[in-house]
């Protein structure tokens, strides 16, 4: 895993994520996006094993529904984007050349 993939993973998953764990997962899965999807799926599963909302009257209220929906949104976004180590369909790695026509500006006197 190169530094660009590591930085992208830490940006997606947060700076508190263990880099050694990310490196081991990258060796097994071979793409940064697959690593991010696996880590987020585990976080989602961990949230679903506990009650999403806990209320003890007058003492404490814990609500993890917003966290769950945030992780699900992030999982959906990662399905649509490419990681730093992936190439898109039709992308051959060469720079793209965009051409355009130049027209003289019309001036009114």
PDB file of N, CA and C in Angstrom:
ATOM      1  N   UNK A   1       0.858  -1.167   0.000  1.00  0.00           N
ATOM      2  CA  UNK A   1       0.000   0.000   0.000  1.00  0.00           C
ATOM      3  C   UNK A   1       0.905   1.232   0.000  1.00  0.00           C
ATOM      4  N   UNK A   2       0.653   2.123  -0.954  1.00  0.00           N
ATOM      5  CA  UNK A   2       1.467   3.332  -1.025  1.00  0.00           C
ATOM      6  C   UNK A   2       0.875   4.421  -0.131  1.00  0.00           C
ATOM      7  N   UNK A   3       1.578   5.532  -0.040  1.00  0.00           N
ATOM      8  CA  UNK A   3       1.155   6.622   0.846  1.00  0.00           C
ATOM      9  C   UNK A   3      -0.146   7.276   0.397  1.00  0.00           C
ATOM     10  N   UNK A   4      -0.380   7.329  -0.912  1.00  0.00           N
ATOM     11  CA  UNK A   4      -1.625   7.936  -1.405  1.00  0.00           C
ATOM     12  C   UNK A   4      -2.829   7.100  -0.979  1.00  0.00           C
ATOM     13  N   UNK A   5      -2.721   5.782  -1.091  1.00  0.00           N
ATOM     14  CA  UNK A   5      -3.821   4.908  -0.685  1.00  0.00           C
ATOM     15  C   UNK A   5      -4.035   4.981   0.826  1.00  0.00           C
ATOM     16  N   UNK A   6      -2.940   5.047   1.575  1.00  0.00           N
ATOM     17  CA  UNK A   6      -3.048   5.145   3.034  1.00  0.00           C
ATOM     18  C   UNK A   6      -3.715   6.457   3.446  1.00  0.00           C
ATOM     19  N   UNK A   7      -3.322   7.550   2.809  1.00  0.00           N
ATOM     20  CA  UNK A   7      -3.923   8.852   3.127  1.00  0.00           C
ATOM     21  C   UNK A   7      -5.397   8.864   2.756  1.00  0.00           C
ATOM     22  N   UNK A   8      -5.756   8.265   1.623  1.00  0.00           N
ATOM     23  CA  UNK A   8      -7.154   8.217   1.188  1.00  0.00           C
ATOM     24  C   UNK A   8      -7.976   7.396   2.179  1.00  0.00           C
ATOM     25  N   UNK A   9      -7.430   6.264   2.627  1.00  0.00           N
ATOM     26  CA  UNK A   9      -8.142   5.432   3.600  1.00  0.00           C
ATOM     27  C   UNK A   9      -8.342   6.157   4.924  1.00  0.00           C
ATOM     28  N   UNK A  10      -7.313   6.843   5.385  1.00  0.00           N
ATOM     29  CA  UNK A  10      -7.450   7.583   6.641  1.00  0.00           C
ATOM     30  C   UNK A  10      -8.442   8.736   6.500  1.00  0.00           C
ATOM     31  N   UNK A  11      -8.517   9.333   5.318  1.00  0.00           N
ATOM     32  CA  UNK A  11      -9.505  10.389   5.097  1.00  0.00           C
ATOM     33  C   UNK A  11     -10.923   9.821   5.077  1.00  0.00           C
ATOM     34  N   UNK A  12     -11.097   8.625   4.557  1.00  0.00           N
ATOM     35  CA  UNK A  12     -12.416   8.003   4.504  1.00  0.00           C
ATOM     36  C   UNK A  12     -12.848   7.445   5.857  1.00  0.00           C
ATOM     37  N   UNK A  13     -11.901   6.890   6.609  1.00  0.00           N
ATOM     38  CA  UNK A  13     -12.239   6.144   7.823  1.00  0.00           C
ATOM     39  C   UNK A  13     -11.911   6.873   9.115  1.00  0.00           C
ATOM     40  N   UNK A  14     -11.183   7.962   9.027  1.00  0.00           N
ATOM     41  CA  UNK A  14     -10.831   8.714  10.224  1.00  0.00           C
ATOM     42  C   UNK A  14      -9.405   8.447  10.658  1.00  0.00           C
ATOM     43  N   UNK A  15      -8.759   9.426  11.274  1.00  0.00           N
ATOM     44  CA  UNK A  15      -7.349   9.294  11.644  1.00  0.00           C
ATOM     45  C   UNK A  15      -7.103   8.317  12.786  1.00  0.00           C
ATOM     46  N   UNK A  16      -8.134   7.916  13.517  1.00  0.00           N
ATOM     47  CA  UNK A  16      -7.945   6.986  14.632  1.00  0.00           C
ATOM     48  C   UNK A  16      -7.881   5.531  14.168  1.00  0.00           C
ATOM     49  N   UNK A  17      -8.050   5.284  12.876  1.00  0.00           N
ATOM     50  CA  UNK A  17      -7.997   3.926  12.342  1.00  0.00           C
ATOM     51  C   UNK A  17      -6.563   3.414  12.379  1.00  0.00           C
ATOM     52  N   UNK A  18      -6.396   2.165  12.772  1.00  0.00           N
ATOM     53  CA  UNK A  18      -5.076   1.561  12.923  1.00  0.00           C
ATOM     54  C   UNK A  18      -4.432   1.322  11.552  1.00  0.00           C
ATOM     55  N   UNK A  19      -3.301   1.969  11.245  1.00  0.00           N
ATOM     56  CA  UNK A  19      -2.657   1.771   9.940  1.00  0.00           C
ATOM     57  C   UNK A  19      -2.170   0.341   9.713  1.00  0.00           C
ATOM     58  N   UNK A  20      -1.765  -0.359  10.762  1.00  0.00           N
ATOM     59  CA  UNK A  20      -1.326  -1.748  10.596  1.00  0.00           C
ATOM     60  C   UNK A  20      -2.491  -2.635  10.164  1.00  0.00           C
ATOM     61  N   UNK A  21      -3.674  -2.377  10.732  1.00  0.00           N
ATOM     62  CA  UNK A  21      -4.867  -3.122  10.330  1.00  0.00           C
ATOM     63  C   UNK A  21      -5.222  -2.826   8.877  1.00  0.00           C
ATOM     64  N   UNK A  22      -5.115  -1.561   8.495  1.00  0.00           N
ATOM     65  CA  UNK A  22      -5.406  -1.194   7.110  1.00  0.00           C
ATOM     66  C   UNK A  22      -4.431  -1.867   6.154  1.00  0.00           C
ATOM     67  N   UNK A  23      -3.158  -1.927   6.535  1.00  0.00           N
ATOM     68  CA  UNK A  23      -2.149  -2.552   5.675  1.00  0.00           C
ATOM     69  C   UNK A  23      -2.423  -4.055   5.515  1.00  0.00           C
ATOM     70  N   UNK A  24      -2.788  -4.725   6.599  1.00  0.00           N
ATOM     71  CA  UNK A  24      -3.095  -6.159   6.525  1.00  0.00           C
ATOM     72  C   UNK A  24      -4.320  -6.412   5.643  1.00  0.00           C
ATOM     73  N   UNK A  25      -5.326  -5.571   5.777  1.00  0.00           N
ATOM     74  CA  UNK A  25      -6.520  -5.725   4.933  1.00  0.00           C
ATOM     75  C   UNK A  25      -6.191  -5.445   3.470  1.00  0.00           C
ATOM     76  N   UNK A  26      -5.330  -4.457   3.230  1.00  0.00           N
ATOM     77  CA  UNK A  26      -4.959  -4.126   1.855  1.00  0.00           C
ATOM     78  C   UNK A  26      -4.200  -5.282   1.204  1.00  0.00           C
ATOM     79  N   UNK A  27      -3.359  -5.957   1.968  1.00  0.00           N
ATOM     80  CA  UNK A  27      -2.636  -7.108   1.429  1.00  0.00           C
ATOM     81  C   UNK A  27      -3.606  -8.214   1.024  1.00  0.00           C
ATOM     82  N   UNK A  28      -4.706  -8.339   1.747  1.00  0.00           N
ATOM     83  CA  UNK A  28      -5.679  -9.386   1.463  1.00  0.00           C
ATOM     84  C   UNK A  28      -6.653  -8.990   0.355  1.00  0.00           C
ATOM     85  N   UNK A  29      -7.079  -7.720   0.336  1.00  0.00           N
ATOM     86  CA  UNK A  29      -8.133  -7.287  -0.592  1.00  0.00           C
ATOM     87  C   UNK A  29      -7.608  -6.599  -1.853  1.00  0.00           C
ATOM     88  N   UNK A  30      -6.415  -6.048  -1.821  1.00  0.00           N
ATOM     89  CA  UNK A  30      -5.705  -5.471  -2.969  1.00  0.00           C
ATOM     90  C   UNK A  30      -6.219  -4.124  -3.476  1.00  0.00           C
ATOM     91  N   UNK A  31      -7.285  -3.554  -2.934  1.00  0.00           N
ATOM     92  CA  UNK A  31      -7.695  -2.205  -3.321  1.00  0.00           C
ATOM     93  C   UNK A  31      -8.103  -1.417  -2.077  1.00  0.00           C
ATOM     94  N   UNK A  32      -7.855  -0.136  -2.130  1.00  0.00           N
ATOM     95  CA  UNK A  32      -8.186   0.726  -0.990  1.00  0.00           C
ATOM     96  C   UNK A  32      -9.694   0.829  -0.801  1.00  0.00           C
ATOM     97  N   UNK A  33     -10.442   0.855  -1.902  1.00  0.00           N
ATOM     98  CA  UNK A  33     -11.898   0.968  -1.784  1.00  0.00           C
ATOM     99  C   UNK A  33     -12.476  -0.277  -1.119  1.00  0.00           C
ATOM    100  N   UNK A  34     -11.957  -1.466  -1.448  1.00  0.00           N
ATOM    101  CA  UNK A  34     -12.439  -2.696  -0.817  1.00  0.00           C
ATOM    102  C   UNK A  34     -12.142  -2.696   0.680  1.00  0.00           C
ATOM    103  N   UNK A  35     -10.993  -2.147   1.065  1.00  0.00           N
ATOM    104  CA  UNK A  35     -10.643  -2.041   2.485  1.00  0.00           C
ATOM    105  C   UNK A  35     -11.620  -1.100   3.189  1.00  0.00           C
ATOM    106  N   UNK A  36     -11.888   0.043   2.591  1.00  0.00           N
ATOM    107  CA  UNK A  36     -12.807   1.006   3.202  1.00  0.00           C
ATOM    108  C   UNK A  36     -14.211   0.415   3.325  1.00  0.00           C
ATOM    109  N   UNK A  37     -14.663  -0.292   2.287  1.00  0.00           N
ATOM    110  CA  UNK A  37     -15.986  -0.909   2.346  1.00  0.00           C
ATOM    111  C   UNK A  37     -16.061  -1.963   3.449  1.00  0.00           C
ATOM    112  N   UNK A  38     -15.013  -2.748   3.611  1.00  0.00           N
ATOM    113  CA  UNK A  38     -15.017  -3.780   4.642  1.00  0.00           C
ATOM    114  C   UNK A  38     -15.026  -3.171   6.036  1.00  0.00           C
ATOM    115  N   UNK A  39     -14.207  -2.152   6.262  1.00  0.00           N
ATOM    116  CA  UNK A  39     -14.156  -1.517   7.583  1.00  0.00           C
ATOM    117  C   UNK A  39     -15.496  -0.864   7.916  1.00  0.00           C
ATOM    118  N   UNK A  40     -16.087  -0.183   6.955  1.00  0.00           N
ATOM    119  CA  UNK A  40     -17.386   0.467   7.211  1.00  0.00           C
ATOM    120  C   UNK A  40     -18.488  -0.560   7.414  1.00  0.00           C
ATOM    121  N   UNK A  41     -18.444  -1.670   6.699  1.00  0.00           N
ATOM    122  CA  UNK A  41     -19.449  -2.725   6.892  1.00  0.00           C
ATOM    123  C   UNK A  41     -19.317  -3.328   8.293  1.00  0.00           C
ATOM    124  N   UNK A  42     -18.096  -3.481   8.782  1.00  0.00           N
ATOM    125  CA  UNK A  42     -17.908  -3.979  10.149  1.00  0.00           C
ATOM    126  C   UNK A  42     -18.424  -2.978  11.184  1.00  0.00           C
ATOM    127  N   UNK A  43     -18.188  -1.692  10.940  1.00  0.00           N
ATOM    128  CA  UNK A  43     -18.697  -0.668  11.865  1.00  0.00           C
ATOM    129  C   UNK A  43     -20.220  -0.669  11.873  1.00  0.00           C
ATOM    130  N   UNK A  44     -20.819  -0.838  10.711  1.00  0.00           N
ATOM    131  CA  UNK A  44     -22.278  -0.899  10.603  1.00  0.00           C
ATOM    132  C   UNK A  44     -22.812  -2.110  11.348  1.00  0.00           C
ATOM    133  N   UNK A  45     -22.179  -3.265  11.162  1.00  0.00           N
ATOM    134  CA  UNK A  45     -22.619  -4.477  11.849  1.00  0.00           C
ATOM    135  C   UNK A  45     -22.489  -4.339  13.359  1.00  0.00           C
ATOM    136  N   UNK A  46     -21.427  -3.687  13.813  1.00  0.00           N
ATOM    137  CA  UNK A  46     -21.232  -3.473  15.243  1.00  0.00           C
ATOM    138  C   UNK A  46     -22.335  -2.580  15.813  1.00  0.00           C
ATOM    139  N   UNK A  47     -22.741  -1.572  15.058  1.00  0.00           N
ATOM    140  CA  UNK A  47     -23.835  -0.715  15.522  1.00  0.00           C
ATOM    141  C   UNK A  47     -25.155  -1.477  15.574  1.00  0.00           C
ATOM    142  N   UNK A  48     -25.361  -2.384  14.627  1.00  0.00           N
ATOM    143  CA  UNK A  48     -26.622  -3.122  14.588  1.00  0.00           C
ATOM    144  C   UNK A  48     -26.727  -4.182  15.671  1.00  0.00           C
ATOM    145  N   UNK A  49     -25.602  -4.632  16.225  1.00  0.00           N
ATOM    146  CA  UNK A  49     -25.669  -5.650  17.280  1.00  0.00           C
ATOM    147  C   UNK A  49     -26.168  -5.065  18.600  1.00  0.00           C
ATOM    148  N   UNK A  50     -25.948  -3.795  18.819  1.00  0.00           N
ATOM    149  CA  UNK A  50     -26.423  -3.131  20.035  1.00  0.00           C
ATOM    150  C   UNK A  50     -27.728  -2.408  19.723  1.00  0.00           C
ATOM    151  N   UNK A  51     -28.509  -2.123  20.756  1.00  0.00           N
ATOM    152  CA  UNK A  51     -29.713  -1.326  20.506  1.00  0.00           C
ATOM    153  C   UNK A  51     -29.328   0.055  19.970  1.00  0.00           C
ATOM    154  N   UNK A  52     -30.068   0.521  18.957  1.00  0.00           N
ATOM    155  CA  UNK A  52     -29.748   1.823  18.373  1.00  0.00           C
ATOM    156  C   UNK A  52     -30.114   2.969  19.305  1.00  0.00           C
ATOM    157  N   UNK A  53     -31.147   2.753  20.115  1.00  0.00           N
ATOM    158  CA  UNK A  53     -31.583   3.818  21.007  1.00  0.00           C
ATOM    159  C   UNK A  53     -31.787   3.260  22.409  1.00  0.00           C
ATOM    160  N   UNK A  54     -31.208   3.952  23.383  1.00  0.00           N
ATOM    161  CA  UNK A  54     -31.330   3.544  24.775  1.00  0.00           C
ATOM    162  C   UNK A  54     -31.726   4.773  25.589  1.00  0.00           C
ATOM    163  N   UNK A  55     -32.815   4.626  26.325  1.00  0.00           N
ATOM    164  CA  UNK A  55     -33.298   5.741  27.149  1.00  0.00           C
ATOM    165  C   UNK A  55     -33.518   5.232  28.564  1.00  0.00           C
ATOM    166  N   UNK A  56     -32.834   5.869  29.506  1.00  0.00           N
ATOM    167  CA  UNK A  56     -33.088   5.648  30.925  1.00  0.00           C
ATOM    168  C   UNK A  56     -33.598   6.988  31.441  1.00  0.00           C
ATOM    169  N   UNK A  57     -34.883   7.018  31.804  1.00  0.00           N
ATOM    170  CA  UNK A  57     -35.546   8.271  32.156  1.00  0.00           C
ATOM    171  C   UNK A  57     -34.790   9.047  33.229  1.00  0.00           C
ATOM    172  N   UNK A  58     -34.458  10.267  32.901  1.00  0.00           N
ATOM    173  CA  UNK A  58     -33.801  11.160  33.837  1.00  0.00           C
ATOM    174  C   UNK A  58     -32.319  10.895  34.019  1.00  0.00           C
ATOM    175  N   UNK A  59     -31.773   9.861  33.361  1.00  0.00           N
ATOM    176  CA  UNK A  59     -30.365   9.543  33.563  1.00  0.00           C
ATOM    177  C   UNK A  59     -29.569   9.730  32.280  1.00  0.00           C
ATOM    178  N   UNK A  60     -29.928   8.984  31.241  1.00  0.00           N
ATOM    179  CA  UNK A  60     -29.147   9.019  30.012  1.00  0.00           C
ATOM    180  C   UNK A  60     -30.032   8.686  28.819  1.00  0.00           C
ATOM    181  N   UNK A  61     -29.674   9.271  27.687  1.00  0.00           N
ATOM    182  CA  UNK A  61     -30.295   8.936  26.411  1.00  0.00           C
ATOM    183  C   UNK A  61     -29.188   8.775  25.389  1.00  0.00           C
ATOM    184  N   UNK A  62     -29.134   7.608  24.754  1.00  0.00           N
ATOM    185  CA  UNK A  62     -28.156   7.348  23.697  1.00  0.00           C
ATOM    186  C   UNK A  62     -28.920   6.995  22.428  1.00  0.00           C
ATOM    187  N   UNK A  63     -28.568   7.667  21.335  1.00  0.00           N
ATOM    188  CA  UNK A  63     -29.245   7.422  20.066  1.00  0.00           C
ATOM    189  C   UNK A  63     -28.191   7.299  18.968  1.00  0.00           C
ATOM    190  N   UNK A  64     -28.040   6.112  18.409  1.00  0.00           N
ATOM    191  CA  UNK A  64     -27.051   5.862  17.376  1.00  0.00           C
ATOM    192  C   UNK A  64     -27.657   5.769  15.980  1.00  0.00           C
ATOM    193  N   UNK A  65     -28.906   6.173  15.809  1.00  0.00           N
ATOM    194  CA  UNK A  65     -29.524   6.068  14.489  1.00  0.00           C
ATOM    195  C   UNK A  65     -28.857   7.005  13.486  1.00  0.00           C
ATOM    196  N   UNK A  66     -28.422   8.167  13.921  1.00  0.00           N
ATOM    197  CA  UNK A  66     -27.738   9.090  13.012  1.00  0.00           C
ATOM    198  C   UNK A  66     -26.380   8.522  12.590  1.00  0.00           C
ATOM    199  N   UNK A  67     -25.686   7.867  13.518  1.00  0.00           N
ATOM    200  CA  UNK A  67     -24.413   7.232  13.174  1.00  0.00           C
ATOM    201  C   UNK A  67     -24.619   6.137  12.143  1.00  0.00           C
ATOM    202  N   UNK A  68     -25.657   5.332  12.325  1.00  0.00           N
ATOM    203  CA  UNK A  68     -25.944   4.251  11.392  1.00  0.00           C
ATOM    204  C   UNK A  68     -26.283   4.789  10.009  1.00  0.00           C
ATOM    205  N   UNK A  69     -27.106   5.811   9.946  1.00  0.00           N
ATOM    206  CA  UNK A  69     -27.461   6.365   8.636  1.00  0.00           C
ATOM    207  C   UNK A  69     -26.255   7.040   7.979  1.00  0.00           C
ATOM    208  N   UNK A  70     -25.368   7.623   8.770  1.00  0.00           N
ATOM    209  CA  UNK A  70     -24.148   8.215   8.216  1.00  0.00           C
ATOM    210  C   UNK A  70     -23.233   7.163   7.614  1.00  0.00           C
ATOM    211  N   UNK A  71     -23.073   6.047   8.296  1.00  0.00           N
ATOM    212  CA  UNK A  71     -22.243   4.964   7.766  1.00  0.00           C
ATOM    213  C   UNK A  71     -22.872   4.384   6.504  1.00  0.00           C
ATOM    214  N   UNK A  72     -24.185   4.245   6.486  1.00  0.00           N
ATOM    215  CA  UNK A  72     -24.855   3.712   5.293  1.00  0.00           C
ATOM    216  C   UNK A  72     -24.707   4.667   4.114  1.00  0.00           C
ATOM    217  N   UNK A  73     -24.771   5.980   4.364  1.00  0.00           N
ATOM    218  CA  UNK A  73     -24.549   6.952   3.289  1.00  0.00           C
ATOM    219  C   UNK A  73     -23.128   6.865   2.765  1.00  0.00           C
ATOM    220  N   UNK A  74     -22.171   6.712   3.669  1.00  0.00           N
ATOM    221  CA  UNK A  74     -20.771   6.619   3.258  1.00  0.00           C
ATOM    222  C   UNK A  74     -20.529   5.339   2.462  1.00  0.00           C
ATOM    223  N   UNK A  75     -21.156   4.240   2.850  1.00  0.00           N
ATOM    224  CA  UNK A  75     -21.047   2.998   2.084  1.00  0.00           C
ATOM    225  C   UNK A  75     -21.606   3.175   0.679  1.00  0.00           C
ATOM    226  N   UNK A  76     -22.736   3.860   0.564  1.00  0.00           N
ATOM    227  CA  UNK A  76     -23.333   4.093  -0.750  1.00  0.00           C
ATOM    228  C   UNK A  76     -22.442   4.988  -1.618  1.00  0.00           C
ATOM    229  N   UNK A  77     -21.816   5.983  -1.023  1.00  0.00           N
ATOM    230  CA  UNK A  77     -20.930   6.864  -1.779  1.00  0.00           C
ATOM    231  C   UNK A  77     -19.692   6.128  -2.268  1.00  0.00           C
ATOM    232  N   UNK A  78     -19.172   5.226  -1.447  1.00  0.00           N
ATOM    233  CA  UNK A  78     -17.977   4.489  -1.839  1.00  0.00           C
ATOM    234  C   UNK A  78     -18.247   3.508  -2.979  1.00  0.00           C
ATOM    235  N   UNK A  79     -19.497   3.124  -3.170  1.00  0.00           N
ATOM    236  CA  UNK A  79     -19.831   2.249  -4.289  1.00  0.00           C
ATOM    237  C   UNK A  79     -19.650   2.974  -5.619  1.00  0.00           C
ATOM    238  N   UNK A  80     -19.795   4.299  -5.618  1.00  0.00           N
ATOM    239  CA  UNK A  80     -19.790   5.078  -6.857  1.00  0.00           C
ATOM    240  C   UNK A  80     -18.444   5.681  -7.221  1.00  0.00           C
ATOM    241  N   UNK A  81     -17.520   5.768  -6.278  1.00  0.00           N
ATOM    242  CA  UNK A  81     -16.244   6.420  -6.573  1.00  0.00           C
ATOM    243  C   UNK A  81     -15.133   5.387  -6.705  1.00  0.00           C
ATOM    244  N   UNK A  82     -14.045   5.797  -7.305  1.00  0.00           N
ATOM    245  CA  UNK A  82     -12.877   4.937  -7.433  1.00  0.00           C
ATOM    246  C   UNK A  82     -11.843   5.322  -6.388  1.00  0.00           C
ATOM    247  N   UNK A  83     -11.129   4.330  -5.894  1.00  0.00           N
ATOM    248  CA  UNK A  83     -10.043   4.573  -4.957  1.00  0.00           C
ATOM    249  C   UNK A  83      -8.820   5.084  -5.692  1.00  0.00           C
ATOM    250  N   UNK A  84      -7.805   5.492  -4.952  1.00  0.00           N
ATOM    251  CA  UNK A  84      -6.610   6.041  -5.591  1.00  0.00           C
ATOM    252  C   UNK A  84      -5.796   4.998  -6.361  1.00  0.00           C
ATOM    253  N   UNK A  85      -6.041   3.722  -6.107  1.00  0.00           N
ATOM    254  CA  UNK A  85      -5.289   2.666  -6.778  1.00  0.00           C
ATOM    255  C   UNK A  85      -6.106   1.930  -7.837  1.00  0.00           C
ATOM    256  N   UNK A  86      -7.235   2.495  -8.242  1.00  0.00           N
ATOM    257  CA  UNK A  86      -8.092   1.877  -9.248  1.00  0.00           C
ATOM    258  C   UNK A  86      -8.138   2.753 -10.494  1.00  0.00           C
ATOM    259  N   UNK A  87      -8.332   2.124 -11.626  1.00  0.00           N
ATOM    260  CA  UNK A  87      -8.525   2.867 -12.868  1.00  0.00           C
ATOM    261  C   UNK A  87      -9.958   2.648 -13.333  1.00  0.00           C
ATOM    262  N   UNK A  88     -10.525   3.669 -13.901  1.00  0.00           N
ATOM    263  CA  UNK A  88     -11.894   3.603 -14.358  1.00  0.00           C
ATOM    264  C   UNK A  88     -12.008   2.902 -15.697  1.00  0.00           C
ATOM    265  N   UNK A  89     -13.221   2.602 -16.104  1.00  0.00           N
ATOM    266  CA  UNK A  89     -13.410   1.976 -17.406  1.00  0.00           C
ATOM    267  C   UNK A  89     -12.985   2.927 -18.524  1.00  0.00           C
ATOM    268  N   UNK A  90     -12.152   2.444 -19.412  1.00  0.00           N
ATOM    269  CA  UNK A  90     -11.670   3.267 -20.511  1.00  0.00           C
ATOM    270  C   UNK A  90     -10.510   4.161 -20.146  1.00  0.00           C
ATOM    271  N   UNK A  91     -10.054   4.094 -18.907  1.00  0.00           N
ATOM    272  CA  UNK A  91      -8.938   4.931 -18.473  1.00  0.00           C
ATOM    273  C   UNK A  91      -7.642   4.159 -18.692  1.00  0.00           C
ATOM    274  N   UNK A  92      -6.804   4.666 -19.574  1.00  0.00           N
ATOM    275  CA  UNK A  92      -5.558   3.976 -19.885  1.00  0.00           C
ATOM    276  C   UNK A  92      -4.361   4.571 -19.161  1.00  0.00           C
ATOM    277  N   UNK A  93      -4.605   5.512 -18.264  1.00  0.00           N
ATOM    278  CA  UNK A  93      -3.525   6.106 -17.499  1.00  0.00           C
ATOM    279  C   UNK A  93      -2.849   7.275 -18.186  1.00  0.00           C
ATOM    280  N   UNK A  94      -3.236   7.569 -19.418  1.00  0.00           N
ATOM    281  CA  UNK A  94      -2.630   8.680 -20.137  1.00  0.00           C
ATOM    282  C   UNK A  94      -3.398   9.962 -19.853  1.00  0.00           C
ATOM    283  N   UNK A  95      -2.727  11.102 -19.912  1.00  0.00           N
ATOM    284  CA  UNK A  95      -3.444  12.351 -19.692  1.00  0.00           C
ATOM    285  C   UNK A  95      -4.427  12.605 -20.835  1.00  0.00           C
ATOM    286  N   UNK A  96      -5.529  13.214 -20.502  1.00  0.00           N
ATOM    287  CA  UNK A  96      -6.554  13.508 -21.487  1.00  0.00           C
ATOM    288  C   UNK A  96      -6.299  14.879 -22.102  1.00  0.00           C
ATOM    289  N   UNK A  97      -6.506  14.986 -23.397  1.00  0.00           N
ATOM    290  CA  UNK A  97      -6.322  16.238 -24.107  1.00  0.00           C
ATOM    291  C   UNK A  97      -7.691  16.764 -24.519  1.00  0.00           C
ATOM    292  N   UNK A  98      -7.985  17.962 -24.096  1.00  0.00           N
ATOM    293  CA  UNK A  98      -9.252  18.586 -24.424  1.00  0.00           C
ATOM    294  C   UNK A  98      -8.967  19.738 -25.373  1.00  0.00           C
ATOM    295  N   UNK A  99      -9.669  19.766 -26.487  1.00  0.00           N
ATOM    296  CA  UNK A  99      -9.466  20.841 -27.458  1.00  0.00           C
ATOM    297  C   UNK A  99     -10.710  21.706 -27.512  1.00  0.00           C
ATOM    298  N   UNK A 100     -10.517  22.916 -27.913  1.00  0.00           N
ATOM    299  CA  UNK A 100     -11.620  23.849 -28.061  1.00  0.00           C
ATOM    300  C   UNK A 100     -11.287  24.859 -29.136  1.00  0.00           C
ATOM    301  N   UNK A 101     -12.293  25.538 -29.617  1.00  0.00           N
ATOM    302  CA  UNK A 101     -12.116  26.543 -30.662  1.00  0.00           C
ATOM    303  C   UNK A 101     -11.997  27.918 -30.018  1.00  0.00           C
ATOM    304  N   UNK A 102     -11.121  28.713 -30.550  1.00  0.00           N
ATOM    305  CA  UNK A 102     -10.976  30.090 -30.105  1.00  0.00           C
ATOM    306  C   UNK A 102     -11.643  30.996 -31.117  1.00  0.00           C
ATOM    307  N   UNK A 103     -12.456  31.896 -30.643  1.00  0.00           N
ATOM    308  CA  UNK A 103     -13.123  32.848 -31.517  1.00  0.00           C
ATOM    309  C   UNK A 103     -12.747  34.255 -31.074  1.00  0.00           C
ATOM    310  N   UNK A 104     -12.592  35.149 -32.028  1.00  0.00           N
ATOM    311  CA  UNK A 104     -12.289  36.522 -31.623  1.00  0.00           C
ATOM    312  C   UNK A 104     -13.471  37.131 -30.904  1.00  0.00           C
ATOM    313  N   UNK A 105     -13.182  37.973 -29.943  1.00  0.00           N
ATOM    314  CA  UNK A 105     -14.240  38.655 -29.207  1.00  0.00           C
ATOM    315  C   UNK A 105     -14.868  39.705 -30.089  1.00  0.00           C
ATOM    316  N   UNK A 106     -16.179  39.810 -30.087  1.00  0.00           N
ATOM    317  CA  UNK A 106     -16.868  40.830 -30.874  1.00  0.00           C
ATOM    318  C   UNK A 106     -16.970  42.091 -30.033  1.00  0.00           C
ATOM    319  N   UNK A 107     -16.552  43.169 -30.648  1.00  0.00           N
ATOM    320  CA  UNK A 107     -16.594  44.446 -29.929  1.00  0.00           C
ATOM    321  C   UNK A 107     -17.603  45.373 -30.590  1.00  0.00           C
ATOM    322  N   UNK A 108     -18.364  46.008 -29.784  1.00  0.00           N
ATOM    323  CA  UNK A 108     -19.377  46.960 -30.282  1.00  0.00           C
ATOM    324  C   UNK A 108     -18.864  48.362 -30.008  1.00  0.00           C
ATOM    325  N   UNK A 109     -18.926  49.214 -31.052  1.00  0.00           N
ATOM    326  CA  UNK A 109     -18.446  50.588 -30.885  1.00  0.00           C
ATOM    327  C   UNK A 109     -19.546  51.530 -30.627  1.00  0.00           C
TER     328      UNK A 109
END
